[in-house]
Amino acid sequence: MRRVSADPSAPAAASSAAAACAALPPAARARLIAIVRPVRVDAVMEALAALGANAPRDVLIEQVRGYGRQKTHLDFYEEGPCEGGFVPKVRLQFTVDAADLQPAVAALCEGARTGRIGDGKIFVHAVERS
């Protein structure tokens, strides 16, 4: 299993995540896990829906809490007060075909990006068929 982390606020996020899974065979699938701000979930889902026929059909959405580099920037966090330094996030998880990986990562980045610290992470895992 190959795992790659891409920060949606970084401009090269889409290319770095997709390049890491470029070795996927054409018939393979990739699992994407995105951790994003709760206020950006609708924008992310709209960006994914804009992929049309290549949009993921089943998306798992979970509320999670995180503790990372933005802990020193909590006063700028628009979601409200954070208890114990943990900030609310939403985890989206879905699979796509290898051919649809780059557009899906680009859509995640487009929908999640605010330009501020704490926009989220994208993890790409190769999925093997059994």
C-alpha atoms as a PDB file:
ATOM      1  CA  MET A   1       0.000   0.000   0.000  1.00  0.00           C
ATOM      2  CA  ARG A   2       1.336   3.402  -0.938  1.00  0.00           C
ATOM      3  CA  ARG A   3       0.318   6.373   1.195  1.00  0.00           C
ATOM      4  CA  VAL A   4       0.779  10.012   0.282  1.00  0.00           C
ATOM      5  CA  SER A   5      -0.178  13.113   2.195  1.00  0.00           C
ATOM      6  CA  ALA A   6      -0.965  16.359   0.400  1.00  0.00           C
ATOM      7  CA  ASP A   7      -1.843  19.654   2.023  1.00  0.00           C
ATOM      8  CA  PRO A   8      -4.761  21.247   0.088  1.00  0.00           C
ATOM      9  CA  SER A   9      -3.450  24.733   0.854  1.00  0.00           C
ATOM     10  CA  ALA A  10      -0.194  23.971  -0.957  1.00  0.00           C
ATOM     11  CA  PRO A  11      -0.314  24.816  -4.676  1.00  0.00           C
ATOM     12  CA  ALA A  12       1.364  21.571  -5.725  1.00  0.00           C
ATOM     13  CA  ALA A  13      -0.932  19.362  -3.632  1.00  0.00           C
ATOM     14  CA  ALA A  14      -2.870  17.928  -6.564  1.00  0.00           C
ATOM     15  CA  SER A  15       0.235  17.155  -8.565  1.00  0.00           C
ATOM     16  CA  SER A  16       2.164  15.645  -5.630  1.00  0.00           C
ATOM     17  CA  ALA A  17      -0.646  13.290  -4.609  1.00  0.00           C
ATOM     18  CA  ALA A  18      -1.409  12.236  -8.162  1.00  0.00           C
ATOM     19  CA  ALA A  19       2.257  11.823  -9.052  1.00  0.00           C
ATOM     20  CA  ALA A  20       2.772   9.482  -6.121  1.00  0.00           C
ATOM     21  CA  CYS A  21       0.049   7.171  -7.438  1.00  0.00           C
ATOM     22  CA  ALA A  22       1.055   7.535 -11.089  1.00  0.00           C
ATOM     23  CA  ALA A  23       2.377   3.987 -10.947  1.00  0.00           C
ATOM     24  CA  LEU A  24      -1.144   2.639 -10.459  1.00  0.00           C
ATOM     25  CA  PRO A  25      -2.173   0.220 -13.206  1.00  0.00           C
ATOM     26  CA  PRO A  26      -5.033   1.553 -15.358  1.00  0.00           C
ATOM     27  CA  ALA A  27      -7.543  -0.901 -13.864  1.00  0.00           C
ATOM     28  CA  ALA A  28      -6.570  -0.130 -10.253  1.00  0.00           C
ATOM     29  CA  ARG A  29      -8.502   1.966  -7.775  1.00  0.00           C
ATOM     30  CA  ALA A  30      -7.345   4.517  -5.225  1.00  0.00           C
ATOM     31  CA  ARG A  31      -8.878   5.373  -1.864  1.00  0.00           C
ATOM     32  CA  LEU A  32      -8.857   9.053  -0.999  1.00  0.00           C
ATOM     33  CA  ILE A  33      -9.208  10.270   2.558  1.00  0.00           C
ATOM     34  CA  ALA A  34      -9.583  14.017   2.980  1.00  0.00           C
ATOM     35  CA  ILE A  35      -9.600  15.861   6.298  1.00  0.00           C
ATOM     36  CA  VAL A  36     -11.189  19.290   5.759  1.00  0.00           C
ATOM     37  CA  ARG A  37     -12.781  22.155   7.643  1.00  0.00           C
ATOM     38  CA  PRO A  38     -16.469  21.561   8.484  1.00  0.00           C
ATOM     39  CA  VAL A  39     -17.507  24.785   6.756  1.00  0.00           C
ATOM     40  CA  ARG A  40     -15.901  23.591   3.489  1.00  0.00           C
ATOM     41  CA  VAL A  41     -17.721  20.233   3.206  1.00  0.00           C
ATOM     42  CA  ASP A  42     -20.464  21.613   0.939  1.00  0.00           C
ATOM     43  CA  ALA A  43     -17.879  23.249  -1.342  1.00  0.00           C
ATOM     44  CA  VAL A  44     -15.890  19.999  -1.519  1.00  0.00           C
ATOM     45  CA  MET A  45     -18.997  17.951  -2.343  1.00  0.00           C
ATOM     46  CA  GLU A  46     -20.004  20.463  -5.046  1.00  0.00           C
ATOM     47  CA  ALA A  47     -16.501  20.294  -6.546  1.00  0.00           C
ATOM     48  CA  LEU A  48     -16.670  16.488  -6.562  1.00  0.00           C
ATOM     49  CA  ALA A  49     -20.168  16.520  -8.098  1.00  0.00           C
ATOM     50  CA  ALA A  50     -18.842  18.773 -10.870  1.00  0.00           C
ATOM     51  CA  LEU A  51     -16.730  15.824 -12.050  1.00  0.00           C
ATOM     52  CA  GLY A  52     -19.921  14.474 -13.625  1.00  0.00           C
ATOM     53  CA  ALA A  53     -19.799  10.787 -14.532  1.00  0.00           C
ATOM     54  CA  ASN A  54     -16.382  10.460 -12.861  1.00  0.00           C
ATOM     55  CA  ALA A  55     -17.657  11.749  -9.503  1.00  0.00           C
ATOM     56  CA  PRO A  56     -17.432   9.309  -6.589  1.00  0.00           C
ATOM     57  CA  ARG A  57     -20.778   7.640  -5.905  1.00  0.00           C
ATOM     58  CA  ASP A  58     -20.307   6.668  -2.264  1.00  0.00           C
ATOM     59  CA  VAL A  59     -18.661   9.151   0.088  1.00  0.00           C
ATOM     60  CA  LEU A  60     -18.245   8.386   3.789  1.00  0.00           C
ATOM     61  CA  ILE A  61     -18.392  11.571   5.880  1.00  0.00           C
ATOM     62  CA  GLU A  62     -17.408  11.583   9.563  1.00  0.00           C
ATOM     63  CA  GLN A  63     -16.894  14.305  12.135  1.00  0.00           C
ATOM     64  CA  VAL A  64     -13.427  14.136  13.670  1.00  0.00           C
ATOM     65  CA  ARG A  65     -11.214  16.363  15.823  1.00  0.00           C
ATOM     66  CA  GLY A  66      -7.602  17.201  15.094  1.00  0.00           C
ATOM     67  CA  TYR A  67      -4.586  18.710  16.748  1.00  0.00           C
ATOM     68  CA  GLY A  68      -1.874  20.022  14.475  1.00  0.00           C
ATOM     69  CA  ARG A  69       0.160  22.995  13.353  1.00  0.00           C
ATOM     70  CA  GLN A  70      -2.785  25.383  13.559  1.00  0.00           C
ATOM     71  CA  LYS A  71      -2.990  25.103  17.352  1.00  0.00           C
ATOM     72  CA  THR A  72      -1.153  28.422  17.621  1.00  0.00           C
ATOM     73  CA  HIS A  73      -3.666  30.021  15.228  1.00  0.00           C
ATOM     74  CA  LEU A  74      -6.870  29.018  17.010  1.00  0.00           C
ATOM     75  CA  ASP A  75      -7.954  32.632  17.429  1.00  0.00           C
ATOM     76  CA  PHE A  76      -8.398  32.784  13.624  1.00  0.00           C
ATOM     77  CA  TYR A  77     -10.483  29.599  13.495  1.00  0.00           C
ATOM     78  CA  GLU A  78     -14.012  30.552  12.404  1.00  0.00           C
ATOM     79  CA  GLU A  79     -15.748  27.371  13.611  1.00  0.00           C
ATOM     80  CA  GLY A  80     -15.834  28.583  17.199  1.00  0.00           C
ATOM     81  CA  PRO A  81     -14.110  27.722  20.446  1.00  0.00           C
ATOM     82  CA  CYS A  82     -12.003  24.562  20.573  1.00  0.00           C
ATOM     83  CA  GLU A  83     -11.797  22.462  23.709  1.00  0.00           C
ATOM     84  CA  GLY A  84      -8.373  21.217  24.715  1.00  0.00           C
ATOM     85  CA  GLY A  85      -6.736  22.518  21.556  1.00  0.00           C
ATOM     86  CA  PHE A  86      -8.592  20.035  19.340  1.00  0.00           C
ATOM     87  CA  VAL A  87     -10.266  21.605  16.319  1.00  0.00           C
ATOM     88  CA  PRO A  88     -13.316  20.144  14.577  1.00  0.00           C
ATOM     89  CA  LYS A  89     -12.706  18.609  11.163  1.00  0.00           C
ATOM     90  CA  VAL A  90     -14.628  16.405   8.751  1.00  0.00           C
ATOM     91  CA  ARG A  91     -13.183  13.266   7.169  1.00  0.00           C
ATOM     92  CA  LEU A  92     -14.357  12.297   3.687  1.00  0.00           C
ATOM     93  CA  GLN A  93     -13.449   8.883   2.314  1.00  0.00           C
ATOM     94  CA  PHE A  94     -14.153   7.382  -1.118  1.00  0.00           C
ATOM     95  CA  THR A  95     -12.579   5.377  -3.925  1.00  0.00           C
ATOM     96  CA  VAL A  96     -11.963   6.326  -7.541  1.00  0.00           C
ATOM     97  CA  ASP A  97     -10.500   4.625 -10.594  1.00  0.00           C
ATOM     98  CA  ALA A  98      -6.837   5.350 -11.309  1.00  0.00           C
ATOM     99  CA  ALA A  99      -7.838   7.393 -14.361  1.00  0.00           C
ATOM    100  CA  ASP A 100     -10.042   9.646 -12.194  1.00  0.00           C
ATOM    101  CA  LEU A 101      -7.481  10.190  -9.432  1.00  0.00           C
ATOM    102  CA  GLN A 102      -6.006  13.500 -10.614  1.00  0.00           C
ATOM    103  CA  PRO A 103      -9.374  15.214 -11.214  1.00  0.00           C
ATOM    104  CA  ALA A 104     -10.665  13.980  -7.836  1.00  0.00           C
ATOM    105  CA  VAL A 105      -7.616  15.304  -5.963  1.00  0.00           C
ATOM    106  CA  ALA A 106      -7.872  18.614  -7.826  1.00  0.00           C
ATOM    107  CA  ALA A 107     -11.569  18.875  -6.915  1.00  0.00           C
ATOM    108  CA  LEU A 108     -10.786  18.180  -3.253  1.00  0.00           C
ATOM    109  CA  CYS A 109      -8.116  20.877  -3.247  1.00  0.00           C
ATOM    110  CA  GLU A 110     -10.387  23.369  -4.993  1.00  0.00           C
ATOM    111  CA  GLY A 111     -13.259  22.811  -2.600  1.00  0.00           C
ATOM    112  CA  ALA A 112     -11.214  22.702   0.615  1.00  0.00           C
ATOM    113  CA  ARG A 113      -8.861  25.622  -0.020  1.00  0.00           C
ATOM    114  CA  THR A 114      -9.329  28.798   1.999  1.00  0.00           C
ATOM    115  CA  GLY A 115      -5.699  29.900   1.859  1.00  0.00           C
ATOM    116  CA  ARG A 116      -5.317  29.750   5.632  1.00  0.00           C
ATOM    117  CA  ILE A 117      -3.483  27.294   7.820  1.00  0.00           C
ATOM    118  CA  GLY A 118      -5.574  24.219   8.683  1.00  0.00           C
ATOM    119  CA  ASP A 119      -7.275  23.692   5.307  1.00  0.00           C
ATOM    120  CA  GLY A 120      -6.734  19.952   5.654  1.00  0.00           C
ATOM    121  CA  LYS A 121      -4.919  16.911   4.334  1.00  0.00           C
ATOM    122  CA  ILE A 122      -5.458  14.435   1.514  1.00  0.00           C
ATOM    123  CA  PHE A 123      -4.268  10.836   1.794  1.00  0.00           C
ATOM    124  CA  VAL A 124      -4.115   8.579  -1.268  1.00  0.00           C
ATOM    125  CA  HIS A 125      -3.976   4.790  -0.862  1.00  0.00           C
ATOM    126  CA  ALA A 126      -3.739   2.212  -3.618  1.00  0.00           C
ATOM    127  CA  VAL A 127      -6.564  -0.339  -3.365  1.00  0.00           C
ATOM    128  CA  GLU A 128      -5.882  -3.908  -4.425  1.00  0.00           C
ATOM    129  CA  ARG A 129      -8.627  -6.187  -5.644  1.00  0.00           C
ATOM    130  CA  SER A 130      -8.924  -9.541  -3.895  1.00  0.00           C
END
